[in-house]
């Protein structure tokens, strides 16, 4: 999947603009237990199934 994202037009544009690392990070799997959730126009976070937050 990482190769497909990097090769798509947006991935290429971001890489050419100096954001190649961001494109790579966006395709990582199982690296965080927090997921951004848009609710009523604002982002909040959801945790893993245990409901615990990581120590940030």
PDB file of N, CA and C in Angstrom:
ATOM      1  N   UNK A   1       0.821  -1.183   0.000  1.00  0.00           N
ATOM      2  CA  UNK A   1       0.000   0.000   0.000  1.00  0.00           C
ATOM      3  C   UNK A   1       0.869   1.252   0.000  1.00  0.00           C
ATOM      4  N   UNK A   2       1.977   1.239   0.721  1.00  0.00           N
ATOM      5  CA  UNK A   2       2.834   2.424   0.797  1.00  0.00           C
ATOM      6  C   UNK A   2       3.305   2.851  -0.590  1.00  0.00           C
ATOM      7  N   UNK A   3       3.646   1.885  -1.420  1.00  0.00           N
ATOM      8  CA  UNK A   3       4.102   2.205  -2.776  1.00  0.00           C
ATOM      9  C   UNK A   3       3.014   2.841  -3.615  1.00  0.00           C
ATOM     10  N   UNK A   4       1.796   2.352  -3.475  1.00  0.00           N
ATOM     11  CA  UNK A   4       0.673   2.905  -4.233  1.00  0.00           C
ATOM     12  C   UNK A   4       0.383   4.342  -3.810  1.00  0.00           C
ATOM     13  N   UNK A   5       0.435   4.606  -2.500  1.00  0.00           N
ATOM     14  CA  UNK A   5       0.180   5.962  -2.011  1.00  0.00           C
ATOM     15  C   UNK A   5       1.295   6.900  -2.470  1.00  0.00           C
ATOM     16  N   UNK A   6       2.537   6.465  -2.368  1.00  0.00           N
ATOM     17  CA  UNK A   6       3.661   7.299  -2.792  1.00  0.00           C
ATOM     18  C   UNK A   6       3.632   7.581  -4.286  1.00  0.00           C
ATOM     19  N   UNK A   7       3.081   6.641  -5.071  1.00  0.00           N
ATOM     20  CA  UNK A   7       3.057   6.795  -6.528  1.00  0.00           C
ATOM     21  C   UNK A   7       1.839   7.543  -7.049  1.00  0.00           C
ATOM     22  N   UNK A   8       0.835   7.776  -6.193  1.00  0.00           N
ATOM     23  CA  UNK A   8      -0.349   8.494  -6.673  1.00  0.00           C
ATOM     24  C   UNK A   8      -0.029   9.978  -6.801  1.00  0.00           C
ATOM     25  N   UNK A   9      -0.879  10.720  -7.485  1.00  0.00           N
ATOM     26  CA  UNK A   9      -0.579  12.128  -7.764  1.00  0.00           C
ATOM     27  C   UNK A   9      -0.390  12.946  -6.487  1.00  0.00           C
ATOM     28  N   UNK A  10      -1.186  12.706  -5.480  1.00  0.00           N
ATOM     29  CA  UNK A  10      -1.030  13.449  -4.223  1.00  0.00           C
ATOM     30  C   UNK A  10       0.255  13.060  -3.503  1.00  0.00           C
ATOM     31  N   UNK A  11       0.590  11.777  -3.515  1.00  0.00           N
ATOM     32  CA  UNK A  11       1.836  11.329  -2.901  1.00  0.00           C
ATOM     33  C   UNK A  11       3.042  11.934  -3.573  1.00  0.00           C
ATOM     34  N   UNK A  12       3.015  11.980  -4.891  1.00  0.00           N
ATOM     35  CA  UNK A  12       4.112  12.591  -5.651  1.00  0.00           C
ATOM     36  C   UNK A  12       4.211  14.082  -5.342  1.00  0.00           C
ATOM     37  N   UNK A  13       3.076  14.756  -5.330  1.00  0.00           N
ATOM     38  CA  UNK A  13       3.065  16.194  -5.038  1.00  0.00           C
ATOM     39  C   UNK A  13       3.627  16.478  -3.645  1.00  0.00           C
ATOM     40  N   UNK A  14       3.196  15.708  -2.661  1.00  0.00           N
ATOM     41  CA  UNK A  14       3.702  15.904  -1.304  1.00  0.00           C
ATOM     42  C   UNK A  14       5.194  15.616  -1.221  1.00  0.00           C
ATOM     43  N   UNK A  15       5.643  14.554  -1.863  1.00  0.00           N
ATOM     44  CA  UNK A  15       7.065  14.210  -1.857  1.00  0.00           C
ATOM     45  C   UNK A  15       7.899  15.306  -2.504  1.00  0.00           C
ATOM     46  N   UNK A  16       7.449  15.821  -3.608  1.00  0.00           N
ATOM     47  CA  UNK A  16       8.171  16.903  -4.295  1.00  0.00           C
ATOM     48  C   UNK A  16       8.190  18.194  -3.483  1.00  0.00           C
ATOM     49  N   UNK A  17       7.228  18.333  -2.587  1.00  0.00           N
ATOM     50  CA  UNK A  17       7.154  19.526  -1.741  1.00  0.00           C
ATOM     51  C   UNK A  17       7.904  19.341  -0.424  1.00  0.00           C
ATOM     52  N   UNK A  18       8.610  18.227  -0.289  1.00  0.00           N
ATOM     53  CA  UNK A  18       9.420  17.994   0.897  1.00  0.00           C
ATOM     54  C   UNK A  18       8.720  17.216   2.000  1.00  0.00           C
ATOM     55  N   UNK A  19       7.608  16.563   1.677  1.00  0.00           N
ATOM     56  CA  UNK A  19       6.844  15.843   2.690  1.00  0.00           C
ATOM     57  C   UNK A  19       6.832  14.333   2.457  1.00  0.00           C
ATOM     58  N   UNK A  20       7.906  13.798   1.912  1.00  0.00           N
ATOM     59  CA  UNK A  20       7.985  12.357   1.648  1.00  0.00           C
ATOM     60  C   UNK A  20       7.865  11.547   2.943  1.00  0.00           C
ATOM     61  N   UNK A  21       8.464  12.047   4.029  1.00  0.00           N
ATOM     62  CA  UNK A  21       8.355  11.338   5.308  1.00  0.00           C
ATOM     63  C   UNK A  21       6.906  11.282   5.783  1.00  0.00           C
ATOM     64  N   UNK A  22       6.150  12.352   5.556  1.00  0.00           N
ATOM     65  CA  UNK A  22       4.743  12.367   5.956  1.00  0.00           C
ATOM     66  C   UNK A  22       3.938  11.338   5.174  1.00  0.00           C
ATOM     67  N   UNK A  23       4.251  11.181   3.901  1.00  0.00           N
ATOM     68  CA  UNK A  23       3.562  10.190   3.074  1.00  0.00           C
ATOM     69  C   UNK A  23       3.851   8.787   3.620  1.00  0.00           C
ATOM     70  N   UNK A  24       5.091   8.536   3.991  1.00  0.00           N
ATOM     71  CA  UNK A  24       5.461   7.231   4.543  1.00  0.00           C
ATOM     72  C   UNK A  24       4.764   6.985   5.874  1.00  0.00           C
ATOM     73  N   UNK A  25       4.719   7.983   6.735  1.00  0.00           N
ATOM     74  CA  UNK A  25       4.069   7.844   8.040  1.00  0.00           C
ATOM     75  C   UNK A  25       2.575   7.572   7.875  1.00  0.00           C
ATOM     76  N   UNK A  26       1.966   8.203   6.883  1.00  0.00           N
ATOM     77  CA  UNK A  26       0.525   8.051   6.674  1.00  0.00           C
ATOM     78  C   UNK A  26       0.132   6.622   6.316  1.00  0.00           C
ATOM     79  N   UNK A  27       1.072   5.819   5.852  1.00  0.00           N
ATOM     80  CA  UNK A  27       0.756   4.449   5.458  1.00  0.00           C
ATOM     81  C   UNK A  27       1.183   3.409   6.487  1.00  0.00           C
ATOM     82  N   UNK A  28       1.733   3.849   7.617  1.00  0.00           N
ATOM     83  CA  UNK A  28       2.142   2.901   8.648  1.00  0.00           C
ATOM     84  C   UNK A  28       0.910   2.262   9.304  1.00  0.00           C
ATOM     85  N   UNK A  29       1.029   0.995   9.621  1.00  0.00           N
ATOM     86  CA  UNK A  29      -0.060   0.255  10.264  1.00  0.00           C
ATOM     87  C   UNK A  29       0.298  -0.101  11.696  1.00  0.00           C
ATOM     88  N   UNK A  30      -0.697  -0.090  12.571  1.00  0.00           N
ATOM     89  CA  UNK A  30      -0.540  -0.527  13.957  1.00  0.00           C
ATOM     90  C   UNK A  30       0.562   0.233  14.701  1.00  0.00           C
ATOM     91  N   UNK A  31       0.605   1.556  14.511  1.00  0.00           N
ATOM     92  CA  UNK A  31       1.634   2.358  15.179  1.00  0.00           C
ATOM     93  C   UNK A  31       1.063   3.252  16.264  1.00  0.00           C
ATOM     94  N   UNK A  32      -0.245   3.354  16.379  1.00  0.00           N
ATOM     95  CA  UNK A  32      -0.857   4.219  17.375  1.00  0.00           C
ATOM     96  C   UNK A  32      -2.181   3.618  17.833  1.00  0.00           C
ATOM     97  N   UNK A  33      -2.526   3.897  19.085  1.00  0.00           N
ATOM     98  CA  UNK A  33      -3.814   3.435  19.597  1.00  0.00           C
ATOM     99  C   UNK A  33      -4.849   4.550  19.558  1.00  0.00           C
ATOM    100  N   UNK A  34      -4.441   5.745  19.145  1.00  0.00           N
ATOM    101  CA  UNK A  34      -5.355   6.885  19.095  1.00  0.00           C
ATOM    102  C   UNK A  34      -5.792   7.125  17.654  1.00  0.00           C
ATOM    103  N   UNK A  35      -7.090   7.355  17.483  1.00  0.00           N
ATOM    104  CA  UNK A  35      -7.655   7.629  16.170  1.00  0.00           C
ATOM    105  C   UNK A  35      -8.405   8.962  16.250  1.00  0.00           C
ATOM    106  N   UNK A  36      -8.109   9.910  15.339  1.00  0.00           N
ATOM    107  CA  UNK A  36      -8.864  11.162  15.363  1.00  0.00           C
ATOM    108  C   UNK A  36     -10.294  10.921  14.887  1.00  0.00           C
ATOM    109  N   UNK A  37     -11.254  11.519  15.595  1.00  0.00           N
ATOM    110  CA  UNK A  37     -12.665  11.365  15.261  1.00  0.00           C
ATOM    111  C   UNK A  37     -13.277  12.755  15.145  1.00  0.00           C
ATOM    112  N   UNK A  38     -13.903  13.039  14.008  1.00  0.00           N
ATOM    113  CA  UNK A  38     -14.555  14.323  13.799  1.00  0.00           C
ATOM    114  C   UNK A  38     -15.986  14.243  14.312  1.00  0.00           C
ATOM    115  N   UNK A  39     -16.293  15.045  15.323  1.00  0.00           N
ATOM    116  CA  UNK A  39     -17.620  15.079  15.917  1.00  0.00           C
ATOM    117  C   UNK A  39     -18.069  16.526  16.038  1.00  0.00           C
ATOM    118  N   UNK A  40     -19.175  16.861  15.434  1.00  0.00           N
ATOM    119  CA  UNK A  40     -19.709  18.222  15.495  1.00  0.00           C
ATOM    120  C   UNK A  40     -18.683  19.267  15.057  1.00  0.00           C
ATOM    121  N   UNK A  41     -17.903  18.950  14.035  1.00  0.00           N
ATOM    122  CA  UNK A  41     -16.950  19.904  13.471  1.00  0.00           C
ATOM    123  C   UNK A  41     -15.644  20.036  14.222  1.00  0.00           C
ATOM    124  N   UNK A  42     -15.389  19.209  15.218  1.00  0.00           N
ATOM    125  CA  UNK A  42     -14.138  19.265  15.981  1.00  0.00           C
ATOM    126  C   UNK A  42     -13.554  17.863  16.121  1.00  0.00           C
ATOM    127  N   UNK A  43     -12.230  17.787  16.088  1.00  0.00           N
ATOM    128  CA  UNK A  43     -11.568  16.495  16.252  1.00  0.00           C
ATOM    129  C   UNK A  43     -11.360  16.187  17.729  1.00  0.00           C
ATOM    130  N   UNK A  44     -11.587  14.958  18.085  1.00  0.00           N
ATOM    131  CA  UNK A  44     -11.241  14.438  19.400  1.00  0.00           C
ATOM    132  C   UNK A  44     -10.547  13.108  19.154  1.00  0.00           C
ATOM    133  N   UNK A  45     -10.138  12.437  20.203  1.00  0.00           N
ATOM    134  CA  UNK A  45      -9.449  11.161  19.995  1.00  0.00           C
ATOM    135  C   UNK A  45     -10.243  10.005  20.565  1.00  0.00           C
ATOM    136  N   UNK A  46     -10.038   8.868  19.957  1.00  0.00           N
ATOM    137  CA  UNK A  46     -10.577   7.601  20.439  1.00  0.00           C
ATOM    138  C   UNK A  46      -9.382   6.729  20.767  1.00  0.00           C
ATOM    139  N   UNK A  47      -9.519   5.917  21.767  1.00  0.00           N
ATOM    140  CA  UNK A  47      -8.438   5.033  22.154  1.00  0.00           C
ATOM    141  C   UNK A  47      -8.706   3.621  21.677  1.00  0.00           C
ATOM    142  N   UNK A  48      -7.829   2.734  22.062  1.00  0.00           N
ATOM    143  CA  UNK A  48      -8.009   1.329  21.691  1.00  0.00           C
ATOM    144  C   UNK A  48      -9.191   0.731  22.455  1.00  0.00           C
ATOM    145  N   UNK A  49      -9.438  -0.514  22.279  1.00  0.00           N
ATOM    146  CA  UNK A  49     -10.606  -1.176  22.861  1.00  0.00           C
ATOM    147  C   UNK A  49     -10.585  -1.183  24.389  1.00  0.00           C
ATOM    148  N   UNK A  50      -9.396  -1.022  24.979  1.00  0.00           N
ATOM    149  CA  UNK A  50      -9.319  -1.024  26.438  1.00  0.00           C
ATOM    150  C   UNK A  50      -9.764   0.312  27.020  1.00  0.00           C
ATOM    151  N   UNK A  51      -9.819   1.357  26.189  1.00  0.00           N
ATOM    152  CA  UNK A  51     -10.205   2.671  26.662  1.00  0.00           C
ATOM    153  C   UNK A  51      -9.086   3.447  27.302  1.00  0.00           C
ATOM    154  N   UNK A  52      -7.884   2.879  27.304  1.00  0.00           N
ATOM    155  CA  UNK A  52      -6.771   3.572  27.945  1.00  0.00           C
ATOM    156  C   UNK A  52      -6.067   4.496  26.964  1.00  0.00           C
ATOM    157  N   UNK A  53      -5.570   5.592  27.489  1.00  0.00           N
ATOM    158  CA  UNK A  53      -4.806   6.542  26.698  1.00  0.00           C
ATOM    159  C   UNK A  53      -3.318   6.255  26.862  1.00  0.00           C
ATOM    160  N   UNK A  54      -2.539   6.409  25.800  1.00  0.00           N
ATOM    161  CA  UNK A  54      -1.096   6.240  25.954  1.00  0.00           C
ATOM    162  C   UNK A  54      -0.528   7.411  26.743  1.00  0.00           C
ATOM    163  N   UNK A  55       0.611   7.223  27.335  1.00  0.00           N
ATOM    164  CA  UNK A  55       1.283   8.289  28.085  1.00  0.00           C
ATOM    165  C   UNK A  55       1.982   9.211  27.092  1.00  0.00           C
ATOM    166  N   UNK A  56       1.334  10.311  26.758  1.00  0.00           N
ATOM    167  CA  UNK A  56       1.905  11.263  25.808  1.00  0.00           C
ATOM    168  C   UNK A  56       2.707  12.237  26.578  1.00  0.00           C
TER     169      UNK A  56
END
